[in-house]
Amino acid sequence: MFKTAKNGQSTLEYVIILAAVVGAIIAVAAALKPKITATYNTLGTTMQNKAGEVNFD
């Protein structure tokens, strides 16, 4: 009756793979957020302290 193509991937399969990859990226970002925030805070504090030590005399 209906012929369906068996070779190649369908659009739905690509959407499912894309959703899995995006979900994995979001999960990793959520897991690493505290460490990334702490690193940026430390970096900012260090830069602010170093900038306060600069003497332009």
PDB file of N, CA and C in Angstrom:
ATOM      1  N   MET A   1       0.826  -1.182   0.000  1.00  0.00           N
ATOM      2  CA  MET A   1       0.000   0.000   0.000  1.00  0.00           C
ATOM      3  C   MET A   1       0.877   1.256   0.000  1.00  0.00           C
ATOM      4  N   PHE A   2       1.486   1.594   1.156  1.00  0.00           N
ATOM      5  CA  PHE A   2       2.370   2.750   1.225  1.00  0.00           C
ATOM      6  C   PHE A   2       3.803   2.280   1.237  1.00  0.00           C
ATOM      7  N   LYS A   3       4.631   2.977   0.498  1.00  0.00           N
ATOM      8  CA  LYS A   3       6.047   2.668   0.507  1.00  0.00           C
ATOM      9  C   LYS A   3       6.755   3.650   1.440  1.00  0.00           C
ATOM     10  N   THR A   4       7.607   3.129   2.278  1.00  0.00           N
ATOM     11  CA  THR A   4       8.388   3.985   3.160  1.00  0.00           C
ATOM     12  C   THR A   4       9.864   3.749   2.896  1.00  0.00           C
ATOM     13  N   ALA A   5      10.616   4.815   2.974  1.00  0.00           N
ATOM     14  CA  ALA A   5      12.062   4.704   2.762  1.00  0.00           C
ATOM     15  C   ALA A   5      12.707   4.158   4.027  1.00  0.00           C
ATOM     16  N   LYS A   6      13.513   3.144   3.899  1.00  0.00           N
ATOM     17  CA  LYS A   6      14.165   2.525   5.049  1.00  0.00           C
ATOM     18  C   LYS A   6      15.610   3.001   5.217  1.00  0.00           C
ATOM     19  N   ASN A   7      16.161   3.634   4.187  1.00  0.00           N
ATOM     20  CA  ASN A   7      17.549   4.052   4.293  1.00  0.00           C
ATOM     21  C   ASN A   7      17.630   5.521   4.689  1.00  0.00           C
ATOM     22  N   GLY A   8      18.643   5.853   5.477  1.00  0.00           N
ATOM     23  CA  GLY A   8      18.790   7.227   5.939  1.00  0.00           C
ATOM     24  C   GLY A   8      18.010   7.472   7.215  1.00  0.00           C
ATOM     25  N   GLN A   9      18.260   8.642   7.789  1.00  0.00           N
ATOM     26  CA  GLN A   9      17.588   8.984   9.032  1.00  0.00           C
ATOM     27  C   GLN A   9      16.458   9.966   8.754  1.00  0.00           C
ATOM     28  N   SER A  10      15.414   9.810   9.519  1.00  0.00           N
ATOM     29  CA  SER A  10      14.278  10.711   9.340  1.00  0.00           C
ATOM     30  C   SER A  10      14.502  11.993  10.142  1.00  0.00           C
ATOM     31  N   THR A  11      13.732  12.980   9.857  1.00  0.00           N
ATOM     32  CA  THR A  11      13.828  14.258  10.562  1.00  0.00           C
ATOM     33  C   THR A  11      13.551  14.079  12.040  1.00  0.00           C
ATOM     34  N   LEU A  12      12.622  13.223  12.370  1.00  0.00           N
ATOM     35  CA  LEU A  12      12.304  12.987  13.775  1.00  0.00           C
ATOM     36  C   LEU A  12      13.508  12.447  14.532  1.00  0.00           C
ATOM     37  N   GLU A  13      14.259  11.554  13.919  1.00  0.00           N
ATOM     38  CA  GLU A  13      15.447  11.020  14.576  1.00  0.00           C
ATOM     39  C   GLU A  13      16.476  12.115  14.817  1.00  0.00           C
ATOM     40  N   TYR A  14      16.644  13.023  13.857  1.00  0.00           N
ATOM     41  CA  TYR A  14      17.561  14.143  14.046  1.00  0.00           C
ATOM     42  C   TYR A  14      17.090  15.063  15.167  1.00  0.00           C
ATOM     43  N   VAL A  15      15.811  15.288  15.267  1.00  0.00           N
ATOM     44  CA  VAL A  15      15.262  16.133  16.333  1.00  0.00           C
ATOM     45  C   VAL A  15      15.501  15.488  17.689  1.00  0.00           C
ATOM     46  N   ILE A  16      15.322  14.196  17.787  1.00  0.00           N
ATOM     47  CA  ILE A  16      15.546  13.486  19.050  1.00  0.00           C
ATOM     48  C   ILE A  16      17.019  13.569  19.454  1.00  0.00           C
ATOM     49  N   ILE A  17      17.911  13.380  18.503  1.00  0.00           N
ATOM     50  CA  ILE A  17      19.348  13.474  18.795  1.00  0.00           C
ATOM     51  C   ILE A  17      19.703  14.892  19.234  1.00  0.00           C
ATOM     52  N   LEU A  18      19.175  15.890  18.532  1.00  0.00           N
ATOM     53  CA  LEU A  18      19.438  17.281  18.888  1.00  0.00           C
ATOM     54  C   LEU A  18      18.929  17.594  20.293  1.00  0.00           C
ATOM     55  N   ALA A  19      17.752  17.106  20.629  1.00  0.00           N
ATOM     56  CA  ALA A  19      17.189  17.333  21.964  1.00  0.00           C
ATOM     57  C   ALA A  19      18.057  16.676  23.033  1.00  0.00           C
ATOM     58  N   ALA A  20      18.582  15.497  22.756  1.00  0.00           N
ATOM     59  CA  ALA A  20      19.451  14.812  23.718  1.00  0.00           C
ATOM     60  C   ALA A  20      20.751  15.590  23.924  1.00  0.00           C
ATOM     61  N   VAL A  21      21.319  16.104  22.846  1.00  0.00           N
ATOM     62  CA  VAL A  21      22.563  16.870  22.953  1.00  0.00           C
ATOM     63  C   VAL A  21      22.326  18.174  23.721  1.00  0.00           C
ATOM     64  N   VAL A  22      21.264  18.870  23.403  1.00  0.00           N
ATOM     65  CA  VAL A  22      20.949  20.117  24.119  1.00  0.00           C
ATOM     66  C   VAL A  22      20.687  19.835  25.593  1.00  0.00           C
ATOM     67  N   GLY A  23      19.972  18.759  25.887  1.00  0.00           N
ATOM     68  CA  GLY A  23      19.728  18.388  27.277  1.00  0.00           C
ATOM     69  C   GLY A  23      21.015  18.085  28.026  1.00  0.00           C
ATOM     70  N   ALA A  24      21.939  17.404  27.370  1.00  0.00           N
ATOM     71  CA  ALA A  24      23.225  17.091  27.988  1.00  0.00           C
ATOM     72  C   ALA A  24      24.023  18.370  28.262  1.00  0.00           C
ATOM     73  N   ILE A  25      24.006  19.298  27.318  1.00  0.00           N
ATOM     74  CA  ILE A  25      24.727  20.563  27.511  1.00  0.00           C
ATOM     75  C   ILE A  25      24.136  21.342  28.679  1.00  0.00           C
ATOM     76  N   ILE A  26      22.826  21.378  28.780  1.00  0.00           N
ATOM     77  CA  ILE A  26      22.168  22.089  29.883  1.00  0.00           C
ATOM     78  C   ILE A  26      22.488  21.426  31.216  1.00  0.00           C
ATOM     79  N   ALA A  27      22.497  20.100  31.252  1.00  0.00           N
ATOM     80  CA  ALA A  27      22.801  19.386  32.489  1.00  0.00           C
ATOM     81  C   ALA A  27      24.236  19.646  32.945  1.00  0.00           C
ATOM     82  N   VAL A  28      25.170  19.626  32.016  1.00  0.00           N
ATOM     83  CA  VAL A  28      26.573  19.892  32.365  1.00  0.00           C
ATOM     84  C   VAL A  28      26.734  21.330  32.835  1.00  0.00           C
ATOM     85  N   ALA A  29      26.094  22.264  32.161  1.00  0.00           N
ATOM     86  CA  ALA A  29      26.185  23.667  32.565  1.00  0.00           C
ATOM     87  C   ALA A  29      25.608  23.873  33.967  1.00  0.00           C
ATOM     88  N   ALA A  30      24.509  23.217  34.263  1.00  0.00           N
ATOM     89  CA  ALA A  30      23.900  23.344  35.587  1.00  0.00           C
ATOM     90  C   ALA A  30      24.797  22.730  36.662  1.00  0.00           C
ATOM     91  N   ALA A  31      25.457  21.634  36.329  1.00  0.00           N
ATOM     92  CA  ALA A  31      26.333  20.980  37.295  1.00  0.00           C
ATOM     93  C   ALA A  31      27.598  21.797  37.560  1.00  0.00           C
ATOM     94  N   LEU A  32      28.096  22.489  36.551  1.00  0.00           N
ATOM     95  CA  LEU A  32      29.344  23.235  36.690  1.00  0.00           C
ATOM     96  C   LEU A  32      29.148  24.703  37.074  1.00  0.00           C
ATOM     97  N   LYS A  33      27.911  25.152  37.142  1.00  0.00           N
ATOM     98  CA  LYS A  33      27.646  26.569  37.408  1.00  0.00           C
ATOM     99  C   LYS A  33      28.288  27.064  38.702  1.00  0.00           C
ATOM    100  N   PRO A  34      28.182  26.354  39.824  1.00  0.00           N
ATOM    101  CA  PRO A  34      28.813  26.866  41.057  1.00  0.00           C
ATOM    102  C   PRO A  34      30.327  27.022  40.927  1.00  0.00           C
ATOM    103  N   LYS A  35      30.982  26.083  40.282  1.00  0.00           N
ATOM    104  CA  LYS A  35      32.439  26.175  40.128  1.00  0.00           C
ATOM    105  C   LYS A  35      32.824  27.318  39.197  1.00  0.00           C
ATOM    106  N   ILE A  36      32.070  27.488  38.118  1.00  0.00           N
ATOM    107  CA  ILE A  36      32.359  28.573  37.178  1.00  0.00           C
ATOM    108  C   ILE A  36      32.149  29.923  37.860  1.00  0.00           C
ATOM    109  N   THR A  37      31.080  30.054  38.619  1.00  0.00           N
ATOM    110  CA  THR A  37      30.803  31.308  39.329  1.00  0.00           C
ATOM    111  C   THR A  37      31.905  31.606  40.330  1.00  0.00           C
ATOM    112  N   ALA A  38      32.339  30.609  41.080  1.00  0.00           N
ATOM    113  CA  ALA A  38      33.405  30.812  42.060  1.00  0.00           C
ATOM    114  C   ALA A  38      34.708  31.215  41.380  1.00  0.00           C
ATOM    115  N   THR A  39      34.997  30.605  40.253  1.00  0.00           N
ATOM    116  CA  THR A  39      36.225  30.935  39.521  1.00  0.00           C
ATOM    117  C   THR A  39      36.186  32.380  39.033  1.00  0.00           C
ATOM    118  N   TYR A  40      35.081  32.814  38.457  1.00  0.00           N
ATOM    119  CA  TYR A  40      34.967  34.197  37.997  1.00  0.00           C
ATOM    120  C   TYR A  40      35.031  35.184  39.157  1.00  0.00           C
ATOM    121  N   ASN A  41      34.429  34.845  40.287  1.00  0.00           N
ATOM    122  CA  ASN A  41      34.494  35.723  41.448  1.00  0.00           C
ATOM    123  C   ASN A  41      35.929  35.852  41.953  1.00  0.00           C
ATOM    124  N   THR A  42      36.644  34.745  42.014  1.00  0.00           N
ATOM    125  CA  THR A  42      38.043  34.768  42.447  1.00  0.00           C
ATOM    126  C   THR A  42      38.892  35.581  41.475  1.00  0.00           C
ATOM    127  N   LEU A  43      38.676  35.369  40.199  1.00  0.00           N
ATOM    128  CA  LEU A  43      39.420  36.111  39.183  1.00  0.00           C
ATOM    129  C   LEU A  43      39.137  37.610  39.297  1.00  0.00           C
ATOM    130  N   GLY A  44      37.880  37.971  39.459  1.00  0.00           N
ATOM    131  CA  GLY A  44      37.520  39.380  39.587  1.00  0.00           C
ATOM    132  C   GLY A  44      38.129  40.019  40.820  1.00  0.00           C
ATOM    133  N   THR A  45      38.104  39.308  41.943  1.00  0.00           N
ATOM    134  CA  THR A  45      38.692  39.827  43.178  1.00  0.00           C
ATOM    135  C   THR A  45      40.196  40.005  43.025  1.00  0.00           C
ATOM    136  N   THR A  46      40.848  39.023  42.424  1.00  0.00           N
ATOM    137  CA  THR A  46      42.291  39.105  42.207  1.00  0.00           C
ATOM    138  C   THR A  46      42.644  40.289  41.316  1.00  0.00           C
ATOM    139  N   MET A  47      41.909  40.477  40.247  1.00  0.00           N
ATOM    140  CA  MET A  47      42.172  41.596  39.339  1.00  0.00           C
ATOM    141  C   MET A  47      41.925  42.930  40.038  1.00  0.00           C
ATOM    142  N   GLN A  48      40.887  42.993  40.853  1.00  0.00           N
ATOM    143  CA  GLN A  48      40.580  44.232  41.566  1.00  0.00           C
ATOM    144  C   GLN A  48      41.697  44.545  42.565  1.00  0.00           C
ATOM    145  N   ASN A  49      42.201  43.543  43.255  1.00  0.00           N
ATOM    146  CA  ASN A  49      43.287  43.751  44.209  1.00  0.00           C
ATOM    147  C   ASN A  49      44.560  44.193  43.498  1.00  0.00           C
ATOM    148  N   LYS A  50      44.867  43.578  42.375  1.00  0.00           N
ATOM    149  CA  LYS A  50      46.065  43.950  41.614  1.00  0.00           C
ATOM    150  C   LYS A  50      45.936  45.367  41.060  1.00  0.00           C
ATOM    151  N   ALA A  51      44.746  45.744  40.626  1.00  0.00           N
ATOM    152  CA  ALA A  51      44.539  47.082  40.096  1.00  0.00           C
ATOM    153  C   ALA A  51      44.704  48.122  41.199  1.00  0.00           C
ATOM    154  N   GLY A  52      44.354  47.785  42.418  1.00  0.00           N
ATOM    155  CA  GLY A  52      44.516  48.709  43.547  1.00  0.00           C
ATOM    156  C   GLY A  52      45.965  48.878  43.942  1.00  0.00           C
ATOM    157  N   GLU A  53      46.828  47.932  43.583  1.00  0.00           N
ATOM    158  CA  GLU A  53      48.245  47.988  43.925  1.00  0.00           C
ATOM    159  C   GLU A  53      49.059  48.803  42.925  1.00  0.00           C
ATOM    160  N   VAL A  54      48.493  49.139  41.791  1.00  0.00           N
ATOM    161  CA  VAL A  54      49.237  49.842  40.755  1.00  0.00           C
ATOM    162  C   VAL A  54      49.568  51.253  41.214  1.00  0.00           C
ATOM    163  N   ASN A  55      50.837  51.621  41.047  1.00  0.00           N
ATOM    164  CA  ASN A  55      51.291  52.953  41.427  1.00  0.00           C
ATOM    165  C   ASN A  55      51.751  53.674  40.162  1.00  0.00           C
ATOM    166  N   PHE A  56      51.131  54.790  39.853  1.00  0.00           N
ATOM    167  CA  PHE A  56      51.435  55.521  38.616  1.00  0.00           C
ATOM    168  C   PHE A  56      52.419  56.665  38.844  1.00  0.00           C
ATOM    169  N   ASP A  57      53.198  56.635  39.905  1.00  0.00           N
ATOM    170  CA  ASP A  57      54.168  57.699  40.171  1.00  0.00           C
ATOM    171  C   ASP A  57      55.353  57.609  39.273  1.00  0.00           C
TER     172      ASP A  57
END
